[in-house]
PDB file of all heavy atoms in Angstrom:
ATOM      1  N   GLY A   1     -11.448 -16.498  -0.406  1.00  0.00           N
ATOM      2  CA  GLY A   1     -11.948 -15.462  -1.298  1.00  0.00           C
ATOM      3  C   GLY A   1     -10.966 -15.119  -2.396  1.00  0.00           C
ATOM      4  O   GLY A   1      -9.949 -15.806  -2.583  1.00  0.00           O
ATOM      5  N   PHE A   2     -11.267 -14.039  -3.139  1.00  0.00           N
ATOM      6  CA  PHE A   2     -10.428 -13.621  -4.250  1.00  0.00           C
ATOM      7  C   PHE A   2      -9.065 -13.146  -3.734  1.00  0.00           C
ATOM      8  O   PHE A   2      -8.926 -12.696  -2.594  1.00  0.00           O
ATOM      9  CB  PHE A   2     -11.078 -12.484  -5.032  1.00  0.00           C
ATOM     10  CG  PHE A   2     -12.434 -12.824  -5.613  1.00  0.00           C
ATOM     11  CD1 PHE A   2     -13.310 -11.816  -5.953  1.00  0.00           C
ATOM     12  CD2 PHE A   2     -12.824 -14.134  -5.815  1.00  0.00           C
ATOM     13  CE1 PHE A   2     -14.563 -12.096  -6.488  1.00  0.00           C
ATOM     14  CE2 PHE A   2     -14.071 -14.441  -6.343  1.00  0.00           C
ATOM     15  CZ  PHE A   2     -14.944 -13.413  -6.684  1.00  0.00           C
ATOM     16  N   GLU A   3      -8.063 -13.210  -4.607  1.00  0.00           N
ATOM     17  CA  GLU A   3      -6.744 -12.705  -4.228  1.00  0.00           C
ATOM     18  C   GLU A   3      -6.821 -11.219  -3.908  1.00  0.00           C
ATOM     19  O   GLU A   3      -7.609 -10.474  -4.491  1.00  0.00           O
ATOM     20  CB  GLU A   3      -5.735 -12.945  -5.346  1.00  0.00           C
ATOM     21  CG  GLU A   3      -6.060 -12.262  -6.666  1.00  0.00           C
ATOM     22  CD  GLU A   3      -4.978 -12.522  -7.704  1.00  0.00           C
ATOM     23  OE1 GLU A   3      -3.792 -12.399  -7.371  1.00  0.00           O
ATOM     24  OE2 GLU A   3      -5.328 -12.833  -8.848  1.00  0.00           O
ATOM     25  N   SER A   4      -5.996 -10.780  -2.970  1.00  0.00           N
ATOM     26  CA  SER A   4      -6.092  -9.400  -2.493  1.00  0.00           C
ATOM     27  C   SER A   4      -5.374  -8.406  -3.388  1.00  0.00           C
ATOM     28  O   SER A   4      -5.687  -7.218  -3.379  1.00  0.00           O
ATOM     29  CB  SER A   4      -5.526  -9.299  -1.068  1.00  0.00           C
ATOM     30  OG  SER A   4      -4.179  -9.732  -1.031  1.00  0.00           O
ATOM     31  N   HIS A   5      -4.386  -8.869  -4.158  1.00  0.00           N
ATOM     32  CA  HIS A   5      -3.662  -8.006  -5.080  1.00  0.00           C
ATOM     33  C   HIS A   5      -3.923  -8.493  -6.502  1.00  0.00           C
ATOM     34  O   HIS A   5      -3.625  -9.645  -6.835  1.00  0.00           O
ATOM     35  CB  HIS A   5      -2.162  -8.014  -4.803  1.00  0.00           C
ATOM     36  CG  HIS A   5      -1.811  -7.488  -3.447  1.00  0.00           C
ATOM     37  ND1 HIS A   5      -2.233  -6.258  -2.990  1.00  0.00           N
ATOM     38  CD2 HIS A   5      -1.072  -8.030  -2.450  1.00  0.00           C
ATOM     39  CE1 HIS A   5      -1.762  -6.067  -1.765  1.00  0.00           C
ATOM     40  NE2 HIS A   5      -1.072  -7.116  -1.410  1.00  0.00           N
ATOM     41  N   GLY A   6      -4.475  -7.631  -7.336  1.00  0.00           N
ATOM     42  CA  GLY A   6      -4.873  -8.055  -8.674  1.00  0.00           C
ATOM     43  C   GLY A   6      -3.706  -8.558  -9.512  1.00  0.00           C
ATOM     44  O   GLY A   6      -2.722  -7.855  -9.709  1.00  0.00           O
ATOM     45  N   GLY A   7      -3.819  -9.785 -10.007  1.00  0.00           N
ATOM     46  CA  GLY A   7      -2.806 -10.339 -10.885  1.00  0.00           C
ATOM     47  C   GLY A   7      -1.640 -10.998 -10.186  1.00  0.00           C
ATOM     48  O   GLY A   7      -0.735 -11.514 -10.845  1.00  0.00           O
ATOM     49  N   GLY A   8      -1.641 -11.027  -8.860  1.00  0.00           N
ATOM     50  CA  GLY A   8      -0.497 -11.561  -8.147  1.00  0.00           C
ATOM     51  C   GLY A   8      -0.273 -13.047  -8.348  1.00  0.00           C
ATOM     52  O   GLY A   8       0.864 -13.509  -8.469  1.00  0.00           O
ATOM     53  N   LEU A   9      -1.346 -13.824  -8.409  1.00  0.00           N
ATOM     54  CA  LEU A   9      -1.201 -15.270  -8.576  1.00  0.00           C
ATOM     55  C   LEU A   9      -0.770 -15.614 -10.006  1.00  0.00           C
ATOM     56  O   LEU A   9       0.035 -16.528 -10.212  1.00  0.00           O
ATOM     57  CB  LEU A   9      -2.508 -15.970  -8.209  1.00  0.00           C
ATOM     58  CG  LEU A   9      -2.858 -15.882  -6.724  1.00  0.00           C
ATOM     59  CD1 LEU A   9      -4.264 -16.405  -6.451  1.00  0.00           C
ATOM     60  CD2 LEU A   9      -1.842 -16.644  -5.874  1.00  0.00           C
ATOM     61  N   LEU A  10      -1.287 -14.887 -10.973  1.00  0.00           N
ATOM     62  CA  LEU A  10      -0.818 -15.079 -12.351  1.00  0.00           C
ATOM     63  C   LEU A  10       0.663 -14.719 -12.439  1.00  0.00           C
ATOM     64  O   LEU A  10       1.444 -15.416 -13.108  1.00  0.00           O
ATOM     65  CB  LEU A  10      -1.635 -14.202 -13.301  1.00  0.00           C
ATOM     66  CG  LEU A  10      -1.167 -14.180 -14.764  1.00  0.00           C
ATOM     67  CD1 LEU A  10      -1.228 -15.569 -15.385  1.00  0.00           C
ATOM     68  CD2 LEU A  10      -2.002 -13.185 -15.571  1.00  0.00           C
ATOM     69  N   ALA A  11       1.058 -13.655 -11.771  1.00  0.00           N
ATOM     70  CA  ALA A  11       2.463 -13.245 -11.787  1.00  0.00           C
ATOM     71  C   ALA A  11       3.368 -14.325 -11.210  1.00  0.00           C
ATOM     72  O   ALA A  11       4.450 -14.595 -11.742  1.00  0.00           O
ATOM     73  CB  ALA A  11       2.634 -11.946 -11.009  1.00  0.00           C
ATOM     74  N   LEU A  12       2.932 -14.960 -10.112  1.00  0.00           N
ATOM     75  CA  LEU A  12       3.745 -16.025  -9.525  1.00  0.00           C
ATOM     76  C   LEU A  12       3.963 -17.160 -10.517  1.00  0.00           C
ATOM     77  O   LEU A  12       5.071 -17.689 -10.639  1.00  0.00           O
ATOM     78  CB  LEU A  12       3.069 -16.563  -8.263  1.00  0.00           C
ATOM     79  CG  LEU A  12       3.188 -15.722  -6.992  1.00  0.00           C
ATOM     80  CD1 LEU A  12       2.429 -16.376  -5.857  1.00  0.00           C
ATOM     81  CD2 LEU A  12       4.645 -15.520  -6.607  1.00  0.00           C
ATOM     82  N   LEU A  13       2.918 -17.539 -11.237  1.00  0.00           N
ATOM     83  CA  LEU A  13       3.067 -18.616 -12.217  1.00  0.00           C
ATOM     84  C   LEU A  13       4.014 -18.213 -13.336  1.00  0.00           C
ATOM     85  O   LEU A  13       4.878 -18.997 -13.749  1.00  0.00           O
ATOM     86  CB  LEU A  13       1.699 -19.000 -12.781  1.00  0.00           C
ATOM     87  CG  LEU A  13       0.796 -19.796 -11.829  1.00  0.00           C
ATOM     88  CD1 LEU A  13      -0.602 -19.937 -12.408  1.00  0.00           C
ATOM     89  CD2 LEU A  13       1.395 -21.169 -11.553  1.00  0.00           C
ATOM     90  N   LEU A  14       3.853 -17.001 -13.850  1.00  0.00           N
ATOM     91  CA  LEU A  14       4.701 -16.563 -14.956  1.00  0.00           C
ATOM     92  C   LEU A  14       6.154 -16.410 -14.532  1.00  0.00           C
ATOM     93  O   LEU A  14       7.066 -16.633 -15.336  1.00  0.00           O
ATOM     94  CB  LEU A  14       4.181 -15.250 -15.524  1.00  0.00           C
ATOM     95  CG  LEU A  14       2.889 -15.349 -16.346  1.00  0.00           C
ATOM     96  CD1 LEU A  14       2.347 -13.966 -16.652  1.00  0.00           C
ATOM     97  CD2 LEU A  14       3.131 -16.120 -17.646  1.00  0.00           C
ATOM     98  N   GLU A  15       6.394 -16.072 -13.290  1.00  0.00           N
ATOM     99  CA  GLU A  15       7.758 -15.848 -12.833  1.00  0.00           C
ATOM    100  C   GLU A  15       8.437 -17.088 -12.266  1.00  0.00           C
ATOM    101  O   GLU A  15       9.649 -17.250 -12.404  1.00  0.00           O
ATOM    102  CB  GLU A  15       7.766 -14.750 -11.773  1.00  0.00           C
ATOM    103  CG  GLU A  15       7.374 -13.390 -12.334  1.00  0.00           C
ATOM    104  CD  GLU A  15       7.273 -12.329 -11.268  1.00  0.00           C
ATOM    105  OE1 GLU A  15       7.455 -12.665 -10.084  1.00  0.00           O
ATOM    106  OE2 GLU A  15       6.992 -11.176 -11.613  1.00  0.00           O
ATOM    107  N   LEU A  16       7.660 -17.954 -11.611  1.00  0.00           N
ATOM    108  CA  LEU A  16       8.269 -19.042 -10.860  1.00  0.00           C
ATOM    109  C   LEU A  16       8.025 -20.434 -11.424  1.00  0.00           C
ATOM    110  O   LEU A  16       8.807 -21.350 -11.169  1.00  0.00           O
ATOM    111  CB  LEU A  16       7.776 -19.002  -9.410  1.00  0.00           C
ATOM    112  CG  LEU A  16       8.084 -17.733  -8.622  1.00  0.00           C
ATOM    113  CD1 LEU A  16       7.474 -17.825  -7.235  1.00  0.00           C
ATOM    114  CD2 LEU A  16       9.580 -17.490  -8.542  1.00  0.00           C
ATOM    115  N   TRP A  17       6.942 -20.630 -12.136  1.00  0.00           N
ATOM    116  CA  TRP A  17       6.628 -21.961 -12.664  1.00  0.00           C
ATOM    117  C   TRP A  17       7.606 -22.315 -13.775  1.00  0.00           C
ATOM    118  O   TRP A  17       7.933 -21.470 -14.625  1.00  0.00           O
ATOM    119  CB  TRP A  17       5.193 -21.969 -13.174  1.00  0.00           C
ATOM    120  CG  TRP A  17       4.707 -23.317 -13.647  1.00  0.00           C
ATOM    121  CD1 TRP A  17       5.072 -24.547 -13.182  1.00  0.00           C
ATOM    122  CD2 TRP A  17       3.756 -23.548 -14.691  1.00  0.00           C
ATOM    123  NE1 TRP A  17       4.413 -25.540 -13.858  1.00  0.00           N
ATOM    124  CE2 TRP A  17       3.592 -24.951 -14.797  1.00  0.00           C
ATOM    125  CE3 TRP A  17       3.029 -22.695 -15.544  1.00  0.00           C
ATOM    126  CZ2 TRP A  17       2.738 -25.526 -15.720  1.00  0.00           C
ATOM    127  CZ3 TRP A  17       2.168 -23.264 -16.465  1.00  0.00           C
ATOM    128  CH2 TRP A  17       2.026 -24.665 -16.548  1.00  0.00           C
ATOM    129  N   ARG A  18       8.066 -23.556 -13.768  1.00  0.00           N
ATOM    130  CA  ARG A  18       9.011 -24.037 -14.776  1.00  0.00           C
ATOM    131  C   ARG A  18       8.490 -25.316 -15.432  1.00  0.00           C
ATOM    132  O   ARG A  18       8.986 -26.409 -15.174  1.00  0.00           O
ATOM    133  CB  ARG A  18      10.388 -24.276 -14.154  1.00  0.00           C
ATOM    134  CG  ARG A  18      11.089 -23.010 -13.683  1.00  0.00           C
ATOM    135  CD  ARG A  18      11.444 -22.110 -14.861  1.00  0.00           C
ATOM    136  NE  ARG A  18      12.079 -20.869 -14.450  1.00  0.00           N
ATOM    137  CZ  ARG A  18      11.423 -19.746 -14.244  1.00  0.00           C
ATOM    138  NH1 ARG A  18      10.097 -19.703 -14.365  1.00  0.00           N
ATOM    139  NH2 ARG A  18      12.068 -18.658 -13.910  1.00  0.00           N
ATOM    140  N   PRO A  19       7.472 -25.217 -16.295  1.00  0.00           N
ATOM    141  CA  PRO A  19       6.996 -26.414 -17.003  1.00  0.00           C
ATOM    142  C   PRO A  19       8.091 -26.956 -17.915  1.00  0.00           C
ATOM    143  O   PRO A  19       8.718 -26.204 -18.666  1.00  0.00           O
ATOM    144  CB  PRO A  19       5.801 -25.888 -17.805  1.00  0.00           C
ATOM    145  CG  PRO A  19       6.072 -24.432 -17.978  1.00  0.00           C
ATOM    146  CD  PRO A  19       6.778 -23.994 -16.732  1.00  0.00           C
ATOM    147  N   GLU A  20       8.366 -28.224 -17.779  1.00  0.00           N
ATOM    148  CA  GLU A  20       9.406 -28.883 -18.568  1.00  0.00           C
ATOM    149  C   GLU A  20      10.762 -28.215 -18.388  1.00  0.00           C
ATOM    150  O   GLU A  20      11.606 -28.230 -19.284  1.00  0.00           O
ATOM    151  CB  GLU A  20       9.010 -28.918 -20.048  1.00  0.00           C
ATOM    152  CG  GLU A  20       7.694 -29.644 -20.305  1.00  0.00           C
ATOM    153  CD  GLU A  20       7.269 -29.587 -21.767  1.00  0.00           C
ATOM    154  OE1 GLU A  20       7.932 -28.867 -22.552  1.00  0.00           O
ATOM    155  OE2 GLU A  20       6.283 -30.244 -22.124  1.00  0.00           O
ATOM    156  N   GLY A  21      10.958 -27.598 -17.219  1.00  0.00           N
ATOM    157  CA  GLY A  21      12.245 -27.010 -16.903  1.00  0.00           C
ATOM    158  C   GLY A  21      12.527 -25.663 -17.543  1.00  0.00           C
ATOM    159  O   GLY A  21      13.643 -25.152 -17.438  1.00  0.00           O
ATOM    160  N   ARG A  22      11.546 -25.057 -18.183  1.00  0.00           N
ATOM    161  CA  ARG A  22      11.753 -23.755 -18.837  1.00  0.00           C
ATOM    162  C   ARG A  22      10.819 -22.717 -18.213  1.00  0.00           C
ATOM    163  O   ARG A  22       9.929 -23.044 -17.436  1.00  0.00           O
ATOM    164  CB  ARG A  22      11.446 -23.864 -20.337  1.00  0.00           C
ATOM    165  CG  ARG A  22      10.047 -24.379 -20.613  1.00  0.00           C
ATOM    166  CD  ARG A  22       9.631 -24.220 -22.055  1.00  0.00           C
ATOM    167  NE  ARG A  22       8.334 -24.852 -22.300  1.00  0.00           N
ATOM    168  CZ  ARG A  22       7.170 -24.322 -21.966  1.00  0.00           C
ATOM    169  NH1 ARG A  22       7.124 -23.130 -21.355  1.00  0.00           N
ATOM    170  NH2 ARG A  22       6.036 -24.954 -22.230  1.00  0.00           N
ATOM    171  N   ALA A  23      11.058 -21.457 -18.565  1.00  0.00           N
ATOM    172  CA  ALA A  23      10.209 -20.392 -18.064  1.00  0.00           C
ATOM    173  C   ALA A  23       8.793 -20.549 -18.604  1.00  0.00           C
ATOM    174  O   ALA A  23       8.590 -20.964 -19.746  1.00  0.00           O
ATOM    175  CB  ALA A  23      10.774 -19.037 -18.477  1.00  0.00           C
ATOM    176  N   ALA A  24       7.812 -20.238 -17.772  1.00  0.00           N
ATOM    177  CA  ALA A  24       6.411 -20.347 -18.185  1.00  0.00           C
ATOM    178  C   ALA A  24       6.080 -19.293 -19.235  1.00  0.00           C
ATOM    179  O   ALA A  24       6.653 -18.206 -19.264  1.00  0.00           O
ATOM    180  CB  ALA A  24       5.499 -20.180 -16.978  1.00  0.00           C
ATOM    181  N   LYS A  25       5.128 -19.650 -20.109  1.00  0.00           N
ATOM    182  CA  LYS A  25       4.637 -18.740 -21.134  1.00  0.00           C
ATOM    183  C   LYS A  25       3.121 -18.624 -21.006  1.00  0.00           C
ATOM    184  O   LYS A  25       2.455 -19.478 -20.399  1.00  0.00           O
ATOM    185  CB  LYS A  25       5.000 -19.267 -22.529  1.00  0.00           C
ATOM    186  CG  LYS A  25       6.483 -19.481 -22.755  1.00  0.00           C
ATOM    187  CD  LYS A  25       6.737 -20.110 -24.121  1.00  0.00           C
ATOM    188  CE  LYS A  25       8.222 -20.374 -24.343  1.00  0.00           C
ATOM    189  NZ  LYS A  25       8.468 -21.033 -25.658  1.00  0.00           N
ATOM    190  N   LEU A  26       2.567 -17.595 -21.619  1.00  0.00           N
ATOM    191  CA  LEU A  26       1.122 -17.411 -21.551  1.00  0.00           C
ATOM    192  C   LEU A  26       0.365 -18.577 -22.177  1.00  0.00           C
ATOM    193  O   LEU A  26      -0.761 -18.873 -21.778  1.00  0.00           O
ATOM    194  CB  LEU A  26       0.730 -16.098 -22.238  1.00  0.00           C
ATOM    195  CG  LEU A  26       1.062 -14.818 -21.479  1.00  0.00           C
ATOM    196  CD1 LEU A  26       0.734 -13.593 -22.323  1.00  0.00           C
ATOM    197  CD2 LEU A  26       0.318 -14.753 -20.151  1.00  0.00           C
ATOM    198  N   GLY A  27       0.948 -19.245 -23.126  1.00  0.00           N
ATOM    199  CA  GLY A  27       0.273 -20.367 -23.772  1.00  0.00           C
ATOM    200  C   GLY A  27       0.280 -21.655 -22.967  1.00  0.00           C
ATOM    201  O   GLY A  27      -0.423 -22.611 -23.317  1.00  0.00           O
ATOM    202  N   ASP A  28       1.038 -21.711 -21.873  1.00  0.00           N
ATOM    203  CA  ASP A  28       1.094 -22.921 -21.050  1.00  0.00           C
ATOM    204  C   ASP A  28      -0.202 -23.108 -20.274  1.00  0.00           C
ATOM    205  O   ASP A  28      -0.815 -22.153 -19.815  1.00  0.00           O
ATOM    206  CB  ASP A  28       2.268 -22.856 -20.078  1.00  0.00           C
ATOM    207  CG  ASP A  28       3.613 -22.968 -20.769  1.00  0.00           C
ATOM    208  OD1 ASP A  28       3.712 -23.754 -21.727  1.00  0.00           O
ATOM    209  OD2 ASP A  28       4.551 -22.256 -20.360  1.00  0.00           O
ATOM    210  N   ARG A  29      -0.592 -24.361 -20.090  1.00  0.00           N
ATOM    211  CA  ARG A  29      -1.814 -24.706 -19.367  1.00  0.00           C
ATOM    212  C   ARG A  29      -1.443 -25.199 -17.975  1.00  0.00           C
ATOM    213  O   ARG A  29      -0.558 -26.041 -17.822  1.00  0.00           O
ATOM    214  CB  ARG A  29      -2.602 -25.787 -20.114  1.00  0.00           C
ATOM    215  CG  ARG A  29      -3.000 -25.375 -21.529  1.00  0.00           C
ATOM    216  CD  ARG A  29      -3.620 -26.533 -22.298  1.00  0.00           C
ATOM    217  NE  ARG A  29      -4.898 -26.945 -21.729  1.00  0.00           N
ATOM    218  CZ  ARG A  29      -6.067 -26.393 -22.031  1.00  0.00           C
ATOM    219  NH1 ARG A  29      -6.116 -25.396 -22.923  1.00  0.00           N
ATOM    220  NH2 ARG A  29      -7.180 -26.811 -21.487  1.00  0.00           N
ATOM    221  N   PHE A  30      -2.143 -24.654 -16.965  1.00  0.00           N
ATOM    222  CA  PHE A  30      -1.856 -25.029 -15.580  1.00  0.00           C
ATOM    223  C   PHE A  30      -3.076 -25.707 -14.978  1.00  0.00           C
ATOM    224  O   PHE A  30      -4.212 -25.260 -15.180  1.00  0.00           O
ATOM    225  CB  PHE A  30      -1.489 -23.803 -14.749  1.00  0.00           C
ATOM    226  CG  PHE A  30      -1.001 -24.143 -13.372  1.00  0.00           C
ATOM    227  CD1 PHE A  30       0.318 -24.490 -13.164  1.00  0.00           C
ATOM    228  CD2 PHE A  30      -1.864 -24.125 -12.280  1.00  0.00           C
ATOM    229  CE1 PHE A  30       0.772 -24.823 -11.892  1.00  0.00           C
ATOM    230  CE2 PHE A  30      -1.425 -24.444 -11.012  1.00  0.00           C
ATOM    231  CZ  PHE A  30      -0.097 -24.798 -10.808  1.00  0.00           C
ATOM    232  N   ALA A  31      -2.827 -26.775 -14.218  1.00  0.00           N
ATOM    233  CA  ALA A  31      -3.910 -27.515 -13.574  1.00  0.00           C
ATOM    234  C   ALA A  31      -4.152 -26.966 -12.170  1.00  0.00           C
ATOM    235  O   ALA A  31      -3.301 -27.098 -11.284  1.00  0.00           O
ATOM    236  CB  ALA A  31      -3.559 -28.998 -13.497  1.00  0.00           C
ATOM    237  N   PHE A  32      -5.296 -26.334 -11.978  1.00  0.00           N
ATOM    238  CA  PHE A  32      -5.689 -25.811 -10.672  1.00  0.00           C
ATOM    239  C   PHE A  32      -6.460 -26.917  -9.951  1.00  0.00           C
ATOM    240  O   PHE A  32      -7.669 -27.082 -10.134  1.00  0.00           O
ATOM    241  CB  PHE A  32      -6.536 -24.550 -10.836  1.00  0.00           C
ATOM    242  CG  PHE A  32      -5.781 -23.390 -11.420  1.00  0.00           C
ATOM    243  CD1 PHE A  32      -5.769 -23.179 -12.796  1.00  0.00           C
ATOM    244  CD2 PHE A  32      -5.065 -22.541 -10.603  1.00  0.00           C
ATOM    245  CE1 PHE A  32      -5.070 -22.110 -13.341  1.00  0.00           C
ATOM    246  CE2 PHE A  32      -4.355 -21.472 -11.138  1.00  0.00           C
ATOM    247  CZ  PHE A  32      -4.353 -21.259 -12.518  1.00  0.00           C
ATOM    248  N   GLU A  33      -5.746 -27.663  -9.128  1.00  0.00           N
ATOM    249  CA  GLU A  33      -6.309 -28.867  -8.535  1.00  0.00           C
ATOM    250  C   GLU A  33      -7.504 -28.569  -7.637  1.00  0.00           C
ATOM    251  O   GLU A  33      -8.447 -29.358  -7.572  1.00  0.00           O
ATOM    252  CB  GLU A  33      -5.231 -29.606  -7.743  1.00  0.00           C
ATOM    253  CG  GLU A  33      -4.087 -30.128  -8.605  1.00  0.00           C
ATOM    254  CD  GLU A  33      -3.054 -30.872  -7.783  1.00  0.00           C
ATOM    255  OE1 GLU A  33      -3.385 -31.311  -6.656  1.00  0.00           O
ATOM    256  OE2 GLU A  33      -1.910 -31.021  -8.269  1.00  0.00           O
ATOM    257  N   ALA A  34      -7.484 -27.442  -6.944  1.00  0.00           N
ATOM    258  CA  ALA A  34      -8.577 -27.127  -6.020  1.00  0.00           C
ATOM    259  C   ALA A  34      -9.892 -26.929  -6.748  1.00  0.00           C
ATOM    260  O   ALA A  34     -10.967 -27.094  -6.154  1.00  0.00           O
ATOM    261  CB  ALA A  34      -8.240 -25.874  -5.218  1.00  0.00           C
ATOM    262  N   SER A  35      -9.844 -26.571  -8.032  1.00  0.00           N
ATOM    263  CA  SER A  35     -11.059 -26.362  -8.818  1.00  0.00           C
ATOM    264  C   SER A  35     -11.268 -27.423  -9.883  1.00  0.00           C
ATOM    265  O   SER A  35     -12.302 -27.429 -10.556  1.00  0.00           O
ATOM    266  CB  SER A  35     -11.023 -24.980  -9.496  1.00  0.00           C
ATOM    267  OG  SER A  35     -10.984 -23.951  -8.557  1.00  0.00           O
ATOM    268  N   GLY A  36     -10.291 -28.295 -10.067  1.00  0.00           N
ATOM    269  CA  GLY A  36     -10.393 -29.295 -11.124  1.00  0.00           C
ATOM    270  C   GLY A  36     -10.380 -28.678 -12.512  1.00  0.00           C
ATOM    271  O   GLY A  36     -10.948 -29.235 -13.457  1.00  0.00           O
ATOM    272  N   ALA A  37      -9.732 -27.516 -12.645  1.00  0.00           N
ATOM    273  CA  ALA A  37      -9.709 -26.796 -13.921  1.00  0.00           C
ATOM    274  C   ALA A  37      -8.289 -26.756 -14.468  1.00  0.00           C
ATOM    275  O   ALA A  37      -7.319 -26.603 -13.720  1.00  0.00           O
ATOM    276  CB  ALA A  37     -10.228 -25.369 -13.737  1.00  0.00           C
ATOM    277  N   ILE A  38      -8.197 -26.926 -15.772  1.00  0.00           N
ATOM    278  CA  ILE A  38      -6.921 -26.786 -16.471  1.00  0.00           C
ATOM    279  C   ILE A  38      -7.073 -25.633 -17.452  1.00  0.00           C
ATOM    280  O   ILE A  38      -7.890 -25.691 -18.381  1.00  0.00           O
ATOM    281  CB  ILE A  38      -6.529 -28.079 -17.214  1.00  0.00           C
ATOM    282  CG1 ILE A  38      -6.431 -29.245 -16.230  1.00  0.00           C
ATOM    283  CG2 ILE A  38      -5.198 -27.891 -17.951  1.00  0.00           C
ATOM    284  CD1 ILE A  38      -6.147 -30.584 -16.890  1.00  0.00           C
ATOM    285  N   LEU A  39      -6.297 -24.567 -17.229  1.00  0.00           N
ATOM    286  CA  LEU A  39      -6.476 -23.351 -18.013  1.00  0.00           C
ATOM    287  C   LEU A  39      -5.154 -22.885 -18.602  1.00  0.00           C
ATOM    288  O   LEU A  39      -4.103 -22.974 -17.945  1.00  0.00           O
ATOM    289  CB  LEU A  39      -7.016 -22.221 -17.130  1.00  0.00           C
ATOM    290  CG  LEU A  39      -8.413 -22.378 -16.540  1.00  0.00           C
ATOM    291  CD1 LEU A  39      -8.675 -21.236 -15.564  1.00  0.00           C
ATOM    292  CD2 LEU A  39      -9.450 -22.375 -17.650  1.00  0.00           C
ATOM    293  N   PRO A  40      -5.184 -22.348 -19.828  1.00  0.00           N
ATOM    294  CA  PRO A  40      -3.997 -21.659 -20.324  1.00  0.00           C
ATOM    295  C   PRO A  40      -3.835 -20.347 -19.572  1.00  0.00           C
ATOM    296  O   PRO A  40      -4.817 -19.672 -19.254  1.00  0.00           O
ATOM    297  CB  PRO A  40      -4.315 -21.423 -21.810  1.00  0.00           C
ATOM    298  CG  PRO A  40      -5.805 -21.411 -21.877  1.00  0.00           C
ATOM    299  CD  PRO A  40      -6.281 -22.368 -20.815  1.00  0.00           C
ATOM    300  N   LEU A  41      -2.616 -19.986 -19.261  1.00  0.00           N
ATOM    301  CA  LEU A  41      -2.392 -18.729 -18.562  1.00  0.00           C
ATOM    302  C   LEU A  41      -2.893 -17.550 -19.384  1.00  0.00           C
ATOM    303  O   LEU A  41      -3.266 -16.510 -18.828  1.00  0.00           O
ATOM    304  CB  LEU A  41      -0.904 -18.557 -18.251  1.00  0.00           C
ATOM    305  CG  LEU A  41      -0.246 -19.661 -17.404  1.00  0.00           C
ATOM    306  CD1 LEU A  41       1.170 -19.263 -17.025  1.00  0.00           C
ATOM    307  CD2 LEU A  41      -1.072 -19.975 -16.166  1.00  0.00           C
ATOM    308  N   SER A  42      -2.948 -17.727 -20.700  1.00  0.00           N
ATOM    309  CA  SER A  42      -3.444 -16.656 -21.562  1.00  0.00           C
ATOM    310  C   SER A  42      -4.906 -16.343 -21.285  1.00  0.00           C
ATOM    311  O   SER A  42      -5.347 -15.191 -21.461  1.00  0.00           O
ATOM    312  CB  SER A  42      -3.269 -17.035 -23.037  1.00  0.00           C
ATOM    313  OG  SER A  42      -3.949 -18.247 -23.324  1.00  0.00           O
ATOM    314  N   ALA A  43      -5.697 -17.329 -20.836  1.00  0.00           N
ATOM    315  CA  ALA A  43      -7.103 -17.075 -20.521  1.00  0.00           C
ATOM    316  C   ALA A  43      -7.229 -16.188 -19.290  1.00  0.00           C
ATOM    317  O   ALA A  43      -8.087 -15.296 -19.233  1.00  0.00           O
ATOM    318  CB  ALA A  43      -7.842 -18.393 -20.310  1.00  0.00           C
ATOM    319  N   ILE A  44      -6.388 -16.428 -18.299  1.00  0.00           N
ATOM    320  CA  ILE A  44      -6.394 -15.590 -17.098  1.00  0.00           C
ATOM    321  C   ILE A  44      -5.916 -14.187 -17.462  1.00  0.00           C
ATOM    322  O   ILE A  44      -6.487 -13.183 -17.024  1.00  0.00           O
ATOM    323  CB  ILE A  44      -5.499 -16.207 -16.011  1.00  0.00           C
ATOM    324  CG1 ILE A  44      -5.938 -17.637 -15.715  1.00  0.00           C
ATOM    325  CG2 ILE A  44      -5.529 -15.363 -14.733  1.00  0.00           C
ATOM    326  CD1 ILE A  44      -4.963 -18.424 -14.872  1.00  0.00           C
ATOM    327  N   TYR A  45      -4.886 -14.123 -18.275  1.00  0.00           N
ATOM    328  CA  TYR A  45      -4.335 -12.840 -18.722  1.00  0.00           C
ATOM    329  C   TYR A  45      -5.404 -12.031 -19.459  1.00  0.00           C
ATOM    330  O   TYR A  45      -5.587 -10.830 -19.191  1.00  0.00           O
ATOM    331  CB  TYR A  45      -3.145 -13.117 -19.635  1.00  0.00           C
ATOM    332  CG  TYR A  45      -2.409 -11.910 -20.152  1.00  0.00           C
ATOM    333  CD1 TYR A  45      -1.480 -11.252 -19.363  1.00  0.00           C
ATOM    334  CD2 TYR A  45      -2.611 -11.457 -21.452  1.00  0.00           C
ATOM    335  CE1 TYR A  45      -0.774 -10.152 -19.846  1.00  0.00           C
ATOM    336  CE2 TYR A  45      -1.917 -10.364 -21.945  1.00  0.00           C
ATOM    337  CZ  TYR A  45      -0.994  -9.721 -21.140  1.00  0.00           C
ATOM    338  OH  TYR A  45      -0.299  -8.640 -21.630  1.00  0.00           O
ATOM    339  N   ALA A  46      -6.135 -12.668 -20.365  1.00  0.00           N
ATOM    340  CA  ALA A  46      -7.173 -11.968 -21.128  1.00  0.00           C
ATOM    341  C   ALA A  46      -8.287 -11.480 -20.201  1.00  0.00           C
ATOM    342  O   ALA A  46      -8.797 -10.365 -20.362  1.00  0.00           O
ATOM    343  CB  ALA A  46      -7.733 -12.885 -22.205  1.00  0.00           C
TER     344      ALA A  46
END
């Protein structure tokens, strides 16, 4: 089901993900393999 704390999964990506070895930004696109979706973090943020 849905995450139990609002925004927690987005927060993990913004804090812990290191695309190309740098801190993640809202403009970065992440591949959610379980759904076959590739989304910019900015879309989740919006």
